[in-house]
Amino acid sequence: MTKRLIQFIALLMLGLFFLPYIWKLKQVDLLVILIMGMVLPIYDFITSGEKKEIE
């Protein structure tokens, strides 16, 4: 449970880091790269909960 919370906080911090760049950027190609840079960690966060951990 705490591992998921830490991952969520890290994901939130990454989003807050990217937000000003996404908000102010006018070039569409760089905007797509930044958005994909945010989509991949979100996808990993969602799918990591489905994996069975071996510990």
C-alpha atoms as a PDB file:
ATOM      1  CA  MET A   1       0.000   0.000   0.000  1.00  0.00           C
ATOM      2  CA  THR A   2       2.715   2.485   0.894  1.00  0.00           C
ATOM      3  CA  LYS A   3       4.642   1.566  -2.256  1.00  0.00           C
ATOM      4  CA  ARG A   4       1.641   2.542  -4.416  1.00  0.00           C
ATOM      5  CA  LEU A   5       1.256   5.798  -2.491  1.00  0.00           C
ATOM      6  CA  ILE A   6       4.913   6.681  -3.025  1.00  0.00           C
ATOM      7  CA  GLN A   7       4.576   5.877  -6.745  1.00  0.00           C
ATOM      8  CA  PHE A   8       1.476   8.077  -6.963  1.00  0.00           C
ATOM      9  CA  ILE A   9       3.227  10.983  -5.236  1.00  0.00           C
ATOM     10  CA  ALA A  10       6.202  10.625  -7.600  1.00  0.00           C
ATOM     11  CA  LEU A  11       3.838  10.591 -10.581  1.00  0.00           C
ATOM     12  CA  LEU A  12       2.080  13.689  -9.280  1.00  0.00           C
ATOM     13  CA  MET A  13       5.407  15.480  -8.810  1.00  0.00           C
ATOM     14  CA  LEU A  14       6.448  14.570 -12.365  1.00  0.00           C
ATOM     15  CA  GLY A  15       3.165  15.975 -13.646  1.00  0.00           C
ATOM     16  CA  LEU A  16       3.660  19.191 -11.716  1.00  0.00           C
ATOM     17  CA  PHE A  17       7.185  19.441 -13.134  1.00  0.00           C
ATOM     18  CA  PHE A  18       5.961  19.056 -16.735  1.00  0.00           C
ATOM     19  CA  LEU A  19       2.869  21.270 -16.366  1.00  0.00           C
ATOM     20  CA  PRO A  20       4.503  24.702 -16.924  1.00  0.00           C
ATOM     21  CA  TYR A  21       6.340  23.434 -20.006  1.00  0.00           C
ATOM     22  CA  ILE A  22       3.186  21.899 -21.477  1.00  0.00           C
ATOM     23  CA  TRP A  23       1.189  25.032 -20.657  1.00  0.00           C
ATOM     24  CA  LYS A  24       3.574  27.518 -22.287  1.00  0.00           C
ATOM     25  CA  LEU A  25       4.908  25.478 -25.200  1.00  0.00           C
ATOM     26  CA  LYS A  26       3.754  26.577 -28.645  1.00  0.00           C
ATOM     27  CA  GLN A  27       5.505  23.938 -30.781  1.00  0.00           C
ATOM     28  CA  VAL A  28       3.211  20.984 -31.353  1.00  0.00           C
ATOM     29  CA  ASP A  29       5.972  18.426 -31.946  1.00  0.00           C
ATOM     30  CA  LEU A  30       7.678  19.172 -28.626  1.00  0.00           C
ATOM     31  CA  LEU A  31       4.299  19.262 -26.916  1.00  0.00           C
ATOM     32  CA  VAL A  32       3.575  15.730 -28.136  1.00  0.00           C
ATOM     33  CA  ILE A  33       6.941  14.535 -26.815  1.00  0.00           C
ATOM     34  CA  LEU A  34       6.266  16.048 -23.379  1.00  0.00           C
ATOM     35  CA  ILE A  35       2.770  14.570 -23.237  1.00  0.00           C
ATOM     36  CA  MET A  36       4.099  11.143 -24.213  1.00  0.00           C
ATOM     37  CA  GLY A  37       6.731  11.573 -21.513  1.00  0.00           C
ATOM     38  CA  MET A  38       3.837  11.862 -19.078  1.00  0.00           C
ATOM     39  CA  VAL A  39       1.660   9.114 -20.599  1.00  0.00           C
ATOM     40  CA  LEU A  40       4.316   6.408 -20.271  1.00  0.00           C
ATOM     41  CA  PRO A  41       4.757   6.754 -16.477  1.00  0.00           C
ATOM     42  CA  ILE A  42       0.966   6.891 -16.043  1.00  0.00           C
ATOM     43  CA  TYR A  43       0.610   3.682 -18.044  1.00  0.00           C
ATOM     44  CA  ASP A  44       3.360   2.051 -16.011  1.00  0.00           C
ATOM     45  CA  PHE A  45       1.683   3.136 -12.765  1.00  0.00           C
ATOM     46  CA  ILE A  46      -1.655   1.659 -13.842  1.00  0.00           C
ATOM     47  CA  THR A  47      -0.225  -1.622 -15.085  1.00  0.00           C
ATOM     48  CA  SER A  48       2.214  -2.096 -12.190  1.00  0.00           C
ATOM     49  CA  GLY A  49      -0.684  -2.671  -9.817  1.00  0.00           C
ATOM     50  CA  GLU A  50      -1.810  -5.661 -11.875  1.00  0.00           C
ATOM     51  CA  LYS A  51       1.537  -7.461 -11.597  1.00  0.00           C
ATOM     52  CA  LYS A  52       2.015  -9.969  -8.826  1.00  0.00           C
ATOM     53  CA  GLU A  53       5.015  -9.061  -6.748  1.00  0.00           C
ATOM     54  CA  ILE A  54       7.383 -11.822  -5.717  1.00  0.00           C
ATOM     55  CA  GLU A  55       8.750 -10.978  -2.296  1.00  0.00           C
END
